[in-house]
N, C-alpha and C. Protein backbone atom coordinates (compact mmCIF):
# COMPACT_ATOMS: atom_id res chain seq x y z
N PRO A 1 63.44 51.37 15.66
CA PRO A 1 63.38 50.47 14.50
C PRO A 1 61.94 50.29 14.03
N LYS A 2 61.77 50.26 12.73
CA LYS A 2 60.43 50.04 12.18
C LYS A 2 59.98 48.61 12.43
N TYR A 3 60.91 47.65 12.34
CA TYR A 3 60.58 46.24 12.53
C TYR A 3 61.23 45.74 13.82
N ARG A 4 60.43 45.07 14.62
CA ARG A 4 60.93 44.48 15.86
C ARG A 4 60.74 42.98 15.78
N GLY A 5 61.79 42.23 16.03
CA GLY A 5 61.66 40.79 16.01
C GLY A 5 62.81 40.10 15.32
N ALA A 6 62.53 38.87 14.86
CA ALA A 6 63.57 37.95 14.38
C ALA A 6 64.04 38.21 12.96
N ALA A 7 63.24 38.84 12.11
CA ALA A 7 63.61 38.93 10.69
C ALA A 7 63.37 40.32 10.11
N PRO A 8 63.95 41.36 10.69
CA PRO A 8 63.68 42.72 10.19
C PRO A 8 64.20 42.98 8.79
N ILE A 9 65.35 42.41 8.44
CA ILE A 9 65.91 42.65 7.11
C ILE A 9 65.01 42.01 6.05
N GLN A 10 64.63 40.75 6.28
CA GLN A 10 63.78 40.05 5.33
C GLN A 10 62.45 40.78 5.13
N TRP A 11 61.83 41.22 6.23
CA TRP A 11 60.52 41.87 6.12
C TRP A 11 60.61 43.23 5.43
N SER A 12 61.71 43.94 5.59
CA SER A 12 61.83 45.22 4.89
C SER A 12 61.86 45.00 3.38
N VAL A 13 62.49 43.91 2.93
CA VAL A 13 62.53 43.59 1.49
C VAL A 13 61.19 43.01 1.05
N LEU A 14 60.64 42.08 1.82
CA LEU A 14 59.35 41.47 1.47
C LEU A 14 58.25 42.52 1.32
N ASN A 15 58.29 43.54 2.17
CA ASN A 15 57.26 44.58 2.13
C ASN A 15 57.54 45.68 1.11
N GLY A 16 58.66 45.56 0.40
CA GLY A 16 58.97 46.54 -0.64
C GLY A 16 59.39 47.89 -0.11
N ASP A 17 59.93 47.95 1.10
CA ASP A 17 60.38 49.22 1.66
C ASP A 17 61.50 49.80 0.81
N LYS A 18 61.57 51.11 0.79
CA LYS A 18 62.61 51.80 0.02
C LYS A 18 63.85 52.06 0.86
N GLU A 19 63.71 52.01 2.19
CA GLU A 19 64.86 52.21 3.05
C GLU A 19 64.74 51.35 4.30
N THR A 20 65.88 51.13 4.93
CA THR A 20 65.97 50.39 6.19
C THR A 20 67.17 50.93 6.92
N GLY A 21 67.65 50.22 7.92
CA GLY A 21 68.82 50.73 8.60
C GLY A 21 69.26 49.87 9.75
N ILE A 22 70.18 50.41 10.51
CA ILE A 22 70.76 49.78 11.69
C ILE A 22 70.51 50.70 12.87
N THR A 23 70.14 50.11 14.00
CA THR A 23 69.94 50.88 15.23
C THR A 23 70.67 50.19 16.36
N THR A 24 71.41 50.96 17.15
CA THR A 24 71.93 50.44 18.41
C THR A 24 71.03 51.01 19.50
N MET A 25 70.78 50.21 20.53
CA MET A 25 69.84 50.67 21.56
C MET A 25 70.17 50.04 22.90
N TYR A 26 69.63 50.66 23.93
CA TYR A 26 69.72 50.11 25.27
C TYR A 26 68.67 49.02 25.41
N MET A 27 69.00 48.00 26.17
CA MET A 27 68.05 46.91 26.41
C MET A 27 67.03 47.34 27.45
N ASP A 28 65.81 46.88 27.28
CA ASP A 28 64.80 47.02 28.32
C ASP A 28 63.93 45.76 28.29
N GLU A 29 62.79 45.78 28.94
CA GLU A 29 61.98 44.56 29.05
C GLU A 29 61.32 44.15 27.74
N GLY A 30 61.01 45.08 26.86
CA GLY A 30 60.32 44.77 25.61
C GLY A 30 61.28 44.29 24.52
N MET A 31 60.69 43.80 23.43
CA MET A 31 61.50 43.37 22.29
C MET A 31 61.83 44.58 21.43
N ASP A 32 63.10 44.96 21.40
CA ASP A 32 63.59 46.08 20.59
C ASP A 32 62.89 47.40 20.92
N THR A 33 62.54 47.61 22.19
CA THR A 33 61.80 48.82 22.58
C THR A 33 62.64 49.81 23.36
N GLY A 34 63.90 49.46 23.65
CA GLY A 34 64.74 50.35 24.46
C GLY A 34 65.08 51.65 23.76
N ASP A 35 65.60 52.58 24.54
CA ASP A 35 66.02 53.87 23.99
C ASP A 35 67.11 53.65 22.95
N MET A 36 67.03 54.40 21.85
CA MET A 36 68.03 54.30 20.79
C MET A 36 69.29 55.06 21.20
N ILE A 37 70.39 54.55 20.69
CA ILE A 37 71.66 55.25 20.87
C ILE A 37 72.00 55.92 19.53
N TYR A 38 72.25 55.12 18.50
CA TYR A 38 72.51 55.66 17.17
C TYR A 38 71.72 54.87 16.14
N LYS A 39 71.50 55.50 15.00
CA LYS A 39 70.89 54.78 13.88
C LYS A 39 71.48 55.29 12.58
N GLU A 40 71.51 54.39 11.60
CA GLU A 40 71.97 54.71 10.24
C GLU A 40 70.90 54.22 9.29
N VAL A 41 70.50 55.06 8.37
CA VAL A 41 69.47 54.72 7.39
C VAL A 41 70.13 54.48 6.04
N VAL A 42 69.70 53.43 5.33
CA VAL A 42 70.22 53.13 4.00
C VAL A 42 69.06 52.87 3.04
N GLU A 43 69.29 53.18 1.78
CA GLU A 43 68.30 52.88 0.76
C GLU A 43 68.39 51.41 0.37
N ILE A 44 67.25 50.84 0.01
CA ILE A 44 67.20 49.47 -0.48
C ILE A 44 67.04 49.53 -1.99
N GLY A 45 67.94 48.89 -2.72
CA GLY A 45 67.85 48.87 -4.18
C GLY A 45 66.61 48.13 -4.66
N GLU A 46 66.09 48.53 -5.80
CA GLU A 46 64.85 47.95 -6.32
C GLU A 46 64.93 46.44 -6.49
N TYR A 47 66.10 45.93 -6.86
CA TYR A 47 66.26 44.49 -7.07
C TYR A 47 67.23 43.86 -6.06
N GLU A 48 67.57 44.60 -5.01
CA GLU A 48 68.48 44.09 -3.99
C GLU A 48 67.82 42.96 -3.21
N THR A 49 68.57 41.90 -2.99
CA THR A 49 68.04 40.75 -2.25
C THR A 49 68.32 40.91 -0.76
N THR A 50 67.64 40.10 0.04
CA THR A 50 67.91 40.09 1.47
C THR A 50 69.38 39.79 1.74
N GLY A 51 69.96 38.84 1.02
CA GLY A 51 71.37 38.49 1.23
C GLY A 51 72.30 39.65 0.94
N GLU A 52 72.05 40.36 -0.14
CA GLU A 52 72.88 41.52 -0.49
C GLU A 52 72.74 42.62 0.55
N LEU A 53 71.50 42.88 0.97
CA LEU A 53 71.25 43.90 1.99
C LEU A 53 71.87 43.49 3.32
N TRP A 54 71.74 42.23 3.66
CA TRP A 54 72.33 41.69 4.89
C TRP A 54 73.83 41.97 4.94
N ASP A 55 74.51 41.71 3.82
CA ASP A 55 75.95 41.94 3.76
C ASP A 55 76.29 43.42 3.96
N ARG A 56 75.54 44.30 3.31
CA ARG A 56 75.79 45.74 3.46
C ARG A 56 75.55 46.19 4.90
N LEU A 57 74.44 45.71 5.48
CA LEU A 57 74.09 46.13 6.84
C LEU A 57 75.05 45.57 7.88
N SER A 58 75.62 44.40 7.63
CA SER A 58 76.55 43.83 8.60
C SER A 58 77.82 44.68 8.70
N ILE A 59 78.28 45.22 7.59
CA ILE A 59 79.45 46.10 7.61
C ILE A 59 79.11 47.41 8.32
N LEU A 60 77.97 47.98 7.95
CA LEU A 60 77.52 49.23 8.58
C LEU A 60 77.28 49.02 10.07
N GLY A 61 76.66 47.89 10.42
CA GLY A 61 76.37 47.59 11.82
C GLY A 61 77.63 47.41 12.65
N GLY A 62 78.64 46.79 12.08
CA GLY A 62 79.90 46.62 12.79
C GLY A 62 80.52 47.97 13.14
N LYS A 63 80.53 48.89 12.17
CA LYS A 63 81.09 50.22 12.42
C LYS A 63 80.28 50.99 13.46
N LEU A 64 78.94 50.87 13.37
CA LEU A 64 78.07 51.58 14.31
C LEU A 64 78.22 51.01 15.71
N LEU A 65 78.42 49.71 15.82
CA LEU A 65 78.60 49.07 17.12
C LEU A 65 79.89 49.57 17.79
N VAL A 66 80.97 49.66 17.02
CA VAL A 66 82.23 50.16 17.57
C VAL A 66 82.05 51.58 18.10
N LYS A 67 81.41 52.44 17.31
CA LYS A 67 81.16 53.83 17.74
C LYS A 67 80.30 53.85 19.01
N THR A 68 79.28 53.00 19.05
CA THR A 68 78.38 52.95 20.20
C THR A 68 79.13 52.55 21.47
N VAL A 69 79.92 51.48 21.39
CA VAL A 69 80.66 51.01 22.56
C VAL A 69 81.66 52.07 23.03
N GLU A 70 82.35 52.70 22.07
CA GLU A 70 83.31 53.76 22.44
C GLU A 70 82.61 54.91 23.16
N ASP A 71 81.44 55.32 22.65
CA ASP A 71 80.73 56.45 23.26
C ASP A 71 80.08 56.09 24.59
N ILE A 72 79.68 54.83 24.76
CA ILE A 72 79.18 54.38 26.07
C ILE A 72 80.33 54.44 27.07
N GLU A 73 81.49 53.97 26.66
CA GLU A 73 82.68 53.97 27.52
C GLU A 73 83.07 55.40 27.92
N LYS A 74 82.93 56.35 26.99
CA LYS A 74 83.26 57.76 27.27
C LYS A 74 82.15 58.46 28.05
N GLY A 75 80.98 57.82 28.15
CA GLY A 75 79.86 58.43 28.85
C GLY A 75 79.13 59.48 28.03
N ILE A 76 79.27 59.43 26.69
CA ILE A 76 78.62 60.45 25.84
C ILE A 76 77.55 59.87 24.90
N ALA A 77 77.23 58.59 25.08
CA ALA A 77 76.21 57.98 24.21
C ALA A 77 74.84 58.56 24.53
N PRO A 78 74.10 58.99 23.51
CA PRO A 78 72.79 59.58 23.77
C PRO A 78 71.74 58.52 24.12
N ARG A 79 70.60 58.97 24.62
CA ARG A 79 69.41 58.13 24.85
C ARG A 79 68.26 58.82 24.15
N ILE A 80 67.76 58.17 23.10
CA ILE A 80 66.68 58.75 22.30
C ILE A 80 65.47 57.83 22.40
N LYS A 81 64.37 58.36 22.91
CA LYS A 81 63.14 57.56 23.04
C LYS A 81 62.64 57.17 21.66
N GLN A 82 62.18 55.94 21.54
CA GLN A 82 61.58 55.50 20.28
C GLN A 82 60.16 56.07 20.17
N GLU A 83 59.87 56.61 19.00
CA GLU A 83 58.53 57.14 18.74
C GLU A 83 58.08 56.64 17.38
N GLY A 84 56.80 56.74 17.13
CA GLY A 84 56.28 56.36 15.82
C GLY A 84 55.81 54.92 15.78
N GLU A 85 55.36 54.54 14.59
CA GLU A 85 54.79 53.21 14.42
C GLU A 85 55.89 52.17 14.22
N PHE A 86 55.57 50.94 14.57
CA PHE A 86 56.49 49.84 14.35
C PHE A 86 55.68 48.62 13.95
N SER A 87 56.38 47.64 13.42
CA SER A 87 55.77 46.38 13.01
C SER A 87 56.54 45.24 13.65
N ILE A 88 55.85 44.14 13.84
CA ILE A 88 56.50 42.93 14.32
C ILE A 88 57.08 42.21 13.10
N ALA A 89 58.32 41.75 13.23
CA ALA A 89 59.00 41.04 12.14
C ALA A 89 59.27 39.61 12.60
N PRO A 90 58.23 38.77 12.54
CA PRO A 90 58.39 37.40 13.05
C PRO A 90 59.28 36.55 12.15
N MET A 91 59.70 35.41 12.69
CA MET A 91 60.47 34.46 11.89
C MET A 91 59.63 34.04 10.69
N LEU A 92 60.30 33.73 9.61
CA LEU A 92 59.61 33.33 8.39
C LEU A 92 59.33 31.83 8.41
N ASP A 93 58.15 31.44 7.93
CA ASP A 93 57.86 30.01 7.82
C ASP A 93 57.79 29.63 6.35
N ARG A 94 57.84 28.35 6.08
CA ARG A 94 57.88 27.84 4.70
C ARG A 94 56.65 28.22 3.88
N GLU A 95 55.52 28.41 4.54
CA GLU A 95 54.28 28.72 3.81
C GLU A 95 54.37 30.05 3.05
N ILE A 96 55.11 30.99 3.61
CA ILE A 96 55.23 32.30 2.97
C ILE A 96 55.96 32.20 1.63
N ALA A 97 56.78 31.17 1.46
CA ALA A 97 57.65 31.05 0.28
C ALA A 97 56.92 30.63 -0.99
N LYS A 98 55.74 30.06 -0.86
CA LYS A 98 55.00 29.61 -2.05
C LYS A 98 54.39 30.82 -2.77
N ILE A 99 54.68 30.94 -4.05
CA ILE A 99 54.18 32.07 -4.84
C ILE A 99 52.69 31.90 -5.11
N ASN A 100 51.93 32.92 -4.75
CA ASN A 100 50.49 32.93 -5.00
C ASN A 100 50.25 33.78 -6.25
N TRP A 101 50.28 33.12 -7.39
CA TRP A 101 50.16 33.82 -8.67
C TRP A 101 48.82 34.52 -8.83
N LYS A 102 47.76 33.96 -8.28
CA LYS A 102 46.42 34.53 -8.48
C LYS A 102 46.19 35.80 -7.68
N GLU A 103 46.71 35.85 -6.46
CA GLU A 103 46.40 36.98 -5.58
C GLU A 103 47.48 38.04 -5.51
N LYS A 104 48.71 37.72 -5.88
CA LYS A 104 49.81 38.67 -5.77
C LYS A 104 50.14 39.28 -7.14
N ASN A 105 50.44 40.57 -7.12
CA ASN A 105 50.82 41.22 -8.38
C ASN A 105 52.33 41.05 -8.61
N ALA A 106 52.80 41.55 -9.74
CA ALA A 106 54.21 41.36 -10.11
C ALA A 106 55.16 41.97 -9.10
N GLU A 107 54.84 43.14 -8.58
CA GLU A 107 55.70 43.80 -7.59
C GLU A 107 55.79 42.97 -6.31
N GLU A 108 54.67 42.45 -5.86
CA GLU A 108 54.66 41.65 -4.64
C GLU A 108 55.44 40.34 -4.82
N ILE A 109 55.31 39.72 -5.98
CA ILE A 109 56.06 38.49 -6.25
C ILE A 109 57.55 38.80 -6.36
N LYS A 110 57.89 39.91 -7.02
CA LYS A 110 59.30 40.32 -7.11
C LYS A 110 59.88 40.50 -5.71
N ASN A 111 59.14 41.16 -4.82
CA ASN A 111 59.61 41.39 -3.46
C ASN A 111 59.72 40.08 -2.67
N LEU A 112 58.81 39.15 -2.92
CA LEU A 112 58.89 37.84 -2.28
C LEU A 112 60.17 37.12 -2.69
N VAL A 113 60.45 37.13 -3.99
CA VAL A 113 61.66 36.48 -4.50
C VAL A 113 62.90 37.13 -3.90
N ARG A 114 62.97 38.45 -3.91
CA ARG A 114 64.12 39.17 -3.34
C ARG A 114 64.25 38.93 -1.84
N GLY A 115 63.10 38.96 -1.15
CA GLY A 115 63.09 38.85 0.30
C GLY A 115 63.51 37.49 0.82
N LEU A 116 63.32 36.44 0.02
CA LEU A 116 63.66 35.09 0.45
C LEU A 116 64.98 34.59 -0.14
N ASN A 117 65.67 35.45 -0.86
CA ASN A 117 66.95 35.10 -1.47
C ASN A 117 68.07 35.60 -0.56
N PRO A 118 68.95 34.77 -0.05
CA PRO A 118 69.26 33.39 -0.39
C PRO A 118 68.80 32.37 0.65
N PHE A 119 68.06 32.80 1.67
CA PHE A 119 67.82 31.96 2.84
C PHE A 119 66.79 30.85 2.64
N MET A 120 65.78 31.08 1.83
CA MET A 120 64.73 30.09 1.71
C MET A 120 64.35 29.86 0.25
N GLY A 121 64.18 30.93 -0.46
CA GLY A 121 63.80 30.85 -1.87
C GLY A 121 62.30 30.77 -2.05
N ALA A 122 61.79 31.61 -2.94
CA ALA A 122 60.38 31.54 -3.32
C ALA A 122 60.21 30.38 -4.28
N TYR A 123 59.05 29.72 -4.24
CA TYR A 123 58.87 28.56 -5.10
C TYR A 123 57.47 28.49 -5.69
N THR A 124 57.39 27.69 -6.74
CA THR A 124 56.13 27.38 -7.40
C THR A 124 56.23 25.94 -7.88
N TYR A 125 55.20 25.47 -8.53
CA TYR A 125 55.22 24.09 -9.05
C TYR A 125 55.00 24.10 -10.55
N LEU A 126 55.68 23.18 -11.23
CA LEU A 126 55.49 22.95 -12.65
C LEU A 126 55.43 21.44 -12.83
N ASN A 127 54.30 20.96 -13.31
CA ASN A 127 54.09 19.51 -13.47
C ASN A 127 54.39 18.76 -12.17
N GLU A 128 53.88 19.30 -11.07
CA GLU A 128 54.03 18.72 -9.73
C GLU A 128 55.46 18.66 -9.24
N LYS A 129 56.36 19.39 -9.88
CA LYS A 129 57.76 19.50 -9.44
C LYS A 129 57.97 20.90 -8.87
N LYS A 130 58.65 20.95 -7.73
CA LYS A 130 58.93 22.22 -7.07
C LYS A 130 60.04 22.96 -7.81
N ILE A 131 59.77 24.20 -8.14
CA ILE A 131 60.72 25.06 -8.85
C ILE A 131 60.98 26.28 -7.96
N LYS A 132 62.24 26.52 -7.62
CA LYS A 132 62.58 27.72 -6.85
C LYS A 132 62.97 28.83 -7.81
N ILE A 133 62.50 30.01 -7.50
CA ILE A 133 62.82 31.19 -8.30
C ILE A 133 63.66 32.11 -7.43
N TRP A 134 64.87 32.42 -7.90
CA TRP A 134 65.82 33.18 -7.11
C TRP A 134 65.97 34.64 -7.54
N LYS A 135 65.67 34.92 -8.80
CA LYS A 135 65.85 36.30 -9.27
C LYS A 135 64.89 36.56 -10.42
N VAL A 136 64.22 37.71 -10.35
CA VAL A 136 63.26 38.10 -11.41
C VAL A 136 63.43 39.58 -11.71
N GLU A 137 62.89 39.97 -12.85
CA GLU A 137 62.72 41.39 -13.17
C GLU A 137 61.29 41.58 -13.61
N LYS A 138 60.71 42.68 -13.18
CA LYS A 138 59.33 43.00 -13.52
C LYS A 138 59.32 43.86 -14.78
N ILE A 139 58.48 43.49 -15.74
CA ILE A 139 58.34 44.34 -16.94
C ILE A 139 56.85 44.51 -17.23
N THR A 140 56.52 45.63 -17.83
CA THR A 140 55.13 45.87 -18.20
C THR A 140 54.76 45.03 -19.41
N ARG A 141 53.49 44.90 -19.64
CA ARG A 141 53.04 44.15 -20.82
C ARG A 141 53.48 44.86 -22.10
N GLU A 142 53.48 46.19 -22.06
CA GLU A 142 53.91 46.96 -23.22
C GLU A 142 55.39 46.71 -23.53
N ALA A 143 56.22 46.69 -22.47
CA ALA A 143 57.65 46.44 -22.65
C ALA A 143 57.89 45.03 -23.18
N PHE A 144 57.08 44.07 -22.72
CA PHE A 144 57.20 42.69 -23.21
C PHE A 144 56.92 42.64 -24.71
N VAL A 145 55.90 43.35 -25.15
CA VAL A 145 55.54 43.35 -26.58
C VAL A 145 56.64 44.03 -27.40
N GLU A 146 57.30 45.04 -26.84
CA GLU A 146 58.43 45.65 -27.54
C GLU A 146 59.57 44.65 -27.72
N LEU A 147 59.81 43.81 -26.68
CA LEU A 147 60.84 42.78 -26.77
C LEU A 147 60.44 41.65 -27.71
N MET A 148 59.15 41.35 -27.73
CA MET A 148 58.62 40.23 -28.51
C MET A 148 57.50 40.74 -29.43
N PRO A 149 57.85 41.39 -30.53
CA PRO A 149 56.84 42.00 -31.39
C PRO A 149 55.83 40.99 -31.95
N GLU A 150 56.20 39.71 -31.98
CA GLU A 150 55.27 38.70 -32.49
C GLU A 150 54.02 38.57 -31.62
N PHE A 151 54.05 39.13 -30.40
CA PHE A 151 52.89 39.08 -29.51
C PHE A 151 51.94 40.26 -29.70
N LYS A 152 52.34 41.23 -30.51
CA LYS A 152 51.56 42.47 -30.63
C LYS A 152 50.10 42.22 -31.00
N GLU A 153 49.85 41.34 -31.93
CA GLU A 153 48.47 41.11 -32.36
C GLU A 153 47.65 40.31 -31.35
N TYR A 154 48.31 39.80 -30.30
CA TYR A 154 47.60 38.99 -29.31
C TYR A 154 47.44 39.68 -27.96
N THR A 155 47.82 40.95 -27.87
CA THR A 155 47.78 41.63 -26.57
C THR A 155 46.37 41.69 -25.98
N TYR A 156 45.36 41.70 -26.80
CA TYR A 156 43.98 41.73 -26.30
C TYR A 156 43.66 40.47 -25.48
N ARG A 157 44.44 39.40 -25.68
CA ARG A 157 44.19 38.15 -24.96
C ARG A 157 44.93 38.08 -23.62
N PHE A 158 45.81 39.05 -23.34
CA PHE A 158 46.58 39.02 -22.09
C PHE A 158 45.67 38.97 -20.87
N LYS A 159 44.56 39.69 -20.93
CA LYS A 159 43.66 39.74 -19.77
C LYS A 159 43.02 38.39 -19.47
N ASP A 160 43.00 37.50 -20.44
CA ASP A 160 42.40 36.18 -20.24
C ASP A 160 43.40 35.10 -19.82
N ILE A 161 44.68 35.46 -19.78
CA ILE A 161 45.71 34.47 -19.45
C ILE A 161 45.82 34.35 -17.92
N MET A 162 45.78 33.14 -17.43
CA MET A 162 45.83 32.90 -16.00
C MET A 162 47.21 33.26 -15.44
N PRO A 163 47.24 34.02 -14.32
CA PRO A 163 48.52 34.34 -13.69
C PRO A 163 49.30 33.07 -13.37
N GLY A 164 50.61 33.10 -13.61
CA GLY A 164 51.47 31.94 -13.41
C GLY A 164 51.73 31.18 -14.69
N THR A 165 51.08 31.58 -15.79
CA THR A 165 51.27 30.93 -17.09
C THR A 165 52.57 31.40 -17.72
N VAL A 166 53.35 30.46 -18.24
CA VAL A 166 54.57 30.81 -18.96
C VAL A 166 54.15 31.37 -20.32
N LEU A 167 54.51 32.62 -20.58
CA LEU A 167 54.19 33.26 -21.86
C LEU A 167 55.19 32.90 -22.94
N TYR A 168 56.44 32.81 -22.52
CA TYR A 168 57.50 32.61 -23.50
C TYR A 168 58.69 31.96 -22.82
N ALA A 169 59.30 30.99 -23.47
CA ALA A 169 60.50 30.35 -22.95
C ALA A 169 61.45 30.09 -24.11
N ASP A 170 62.66 30.63 -24.00
CA ASP A 170 63.65 30.49 -25.06
C ASP A 170 65.04 30.56 -24.43
N ASP A 171 65.96 29.74 -24.90
CA ASP A 171 67.31 29.72 -24.35
C ASP A 171 68.00 31.08 -24.43
N LYS A 172 67.72 31.84 -25.47
CA LYS A 172 68.40 33.11 -25.66
C LYS A 172 67.60 34.30 -25.11
N LYS A 173 66.30 34.32 -25.37
CA LYS A 173 65.49 35.46 -24.95
C LYS A 173 64.97 35.35 -23.53
N GLY A 174 64.97 34.16 -22.95
CA GLY A 174 64.60 34.02 -21.55
C GLY A 174 63.24 33.40 -21.31
N LEU A 175 62.82 33.47 -20.04
CA LEU A 175 61.58 32.89 -19.55
C LEU A 175 60.70 34.00 -19.00
N TYR A 176 59.47 34.08 -19.47
CA TYR A 176 58.55 35.14 -19.08
C TYR A 176 57.25 34.54 -18.57
N VAL A 177 56.80 35.03 -17.40
CA VAL A 177 55.61 34.48 -16.77
C VAL A 177 54.61 35.60 -16.52
N MET A 178 53.34 35.32 -16.82
CA MET A 178 52.25 36.29 -16.63
C MET A 178 51.90 36.40 -15.15
N THR A 179 51.66 37.63 -14.69
CA THR A 179 51.08 37.85 -13.36
C THR A 179 49.73 38.51 -13.57
N ASN A 180 49.06 38.88 -12.49
CA ASN A 180 47.74 39.47 -12.67
C ASN A 180 47.78 40.93 -13.11
N ASP A 181 48.98 41.52 -13.21
CA ASP A 181 49.03 42.90 -13.70
C ASP A 181 50.16 43.14 -14.72
N ASP A 182 51.30 42.50 -14.52
CA ASP A 182 52.43 42.69 -15.42
C ASP A 182 53.06 41.33 -15.73
N ILE A 183 54.31 41.36 -16.14
CA ILE A 183 55.01 40.13 -16.53
C ILE A 183 56.34 40.07 -15.77
N LEU A 184 56.72 38.86 -15.36
CA LEU A 184 58.01 38.67 -14.72
C LEU A 184 58.95 37.95 -15.67
N SER A 185 60.14 38.51 -15.80
CA SER A 185 61.21 37.85 -16.51
C SER A 185 61.97 37.06 -15.44
N ILE A 186 62.03 35.75 -15.61
CA ILE A 186 62.69 34.89 -14.64
C ILE A 186 64.18 34.83 -15.00
N ILE A 187 65.01 35.34 -14.12
CA ILE A 187 66.44 35.47 -14.39
C ILE A 187 67.23 34.28 -13.84
N GLU A 188 66.84 33.82 -12.65
CA GLU A 188 67.56 32.70 -12.03
C GLU A 188 66.54 31.73 -11.43
N ILE A 189 66.68 30.46 -11.78
CA ILE A 189 65.69 29.44 -11.42
C ILE A 189 66.42 28.17 -11.00
N GLN A 190 65.75 27.35 -10.22
CA GLN A 190 66.33 26.08 -9.77
C GLN A 190 65.27 24.99 -9.80
N GLY A 191 65.49 23.98 -10.61
CA GLY A 191 64.58 22.86 -10.66
C GLY A 191 64.73 21.98 -9.43
N GLU A 192 63.76 21.11 -9.22
CA GLU A 192 63.77 20.22 -8.08
C GLU A 192 65.03 19.35 -8.10
N ASN A 193 65.73 19.30 -6.97
CA ASN A 193 66.98 18.53 -6.83
C ASN A 193 68.02 18.88 -7.89
N ALA A 194 68.07 20.16 -8.25
CA ALA A 194 69.03 20.61 -9.28
C ALA A 194 69.76 21.84 -8.78
N LYS A 195 70.78 22.24 -9.52
CA LYS A 195 71.51 23.46 -9.21
C LYS A 195 70.77 24.64 -9.78
N ARG A 196 71.10 25.83 -9.29
CA ARG A 196 70.51 27.05 -9.84
C ARG A 196 70.94 27.21 -11.28
């Protein structure tokens, strides 16, 4: 396994990995260091959340577990030494959930939102009220201007806009927030003490 520890699914999404998987293994003294029996690799969708991936992997894991137990019982289960690099996947704490608009780019914020959905939720503040963001889409500045042609004459000012600034908010066209490189379209949001 690439990730060893309490939150491998979340960290694969948070880190923007393109694939992850399920591994059955023999237990030994280390954390997730035993010989592998079987593994299945799956692609992670660009906008797939931890919850969605968790559901897919639980079905795959159940099937792989049945095969593993059957093959152990038959005495034909393989033992494959783990090789290569690995990362520790520690439990997530609340501090990771706060969006750092100044230091993180649009891709990193998108992955944070996906990675913490539905278990914790990424959040920010607006007028000292906590706002959770559950789903976003990343768009380039050029694509934003195509959607909103009225911004075309102001594109030279994009570089001066502070990351985290709401560029546009409309009931029909949506909510768009500036990042330090691109723009996030906020698809699903939750106000303080409110429903999504």
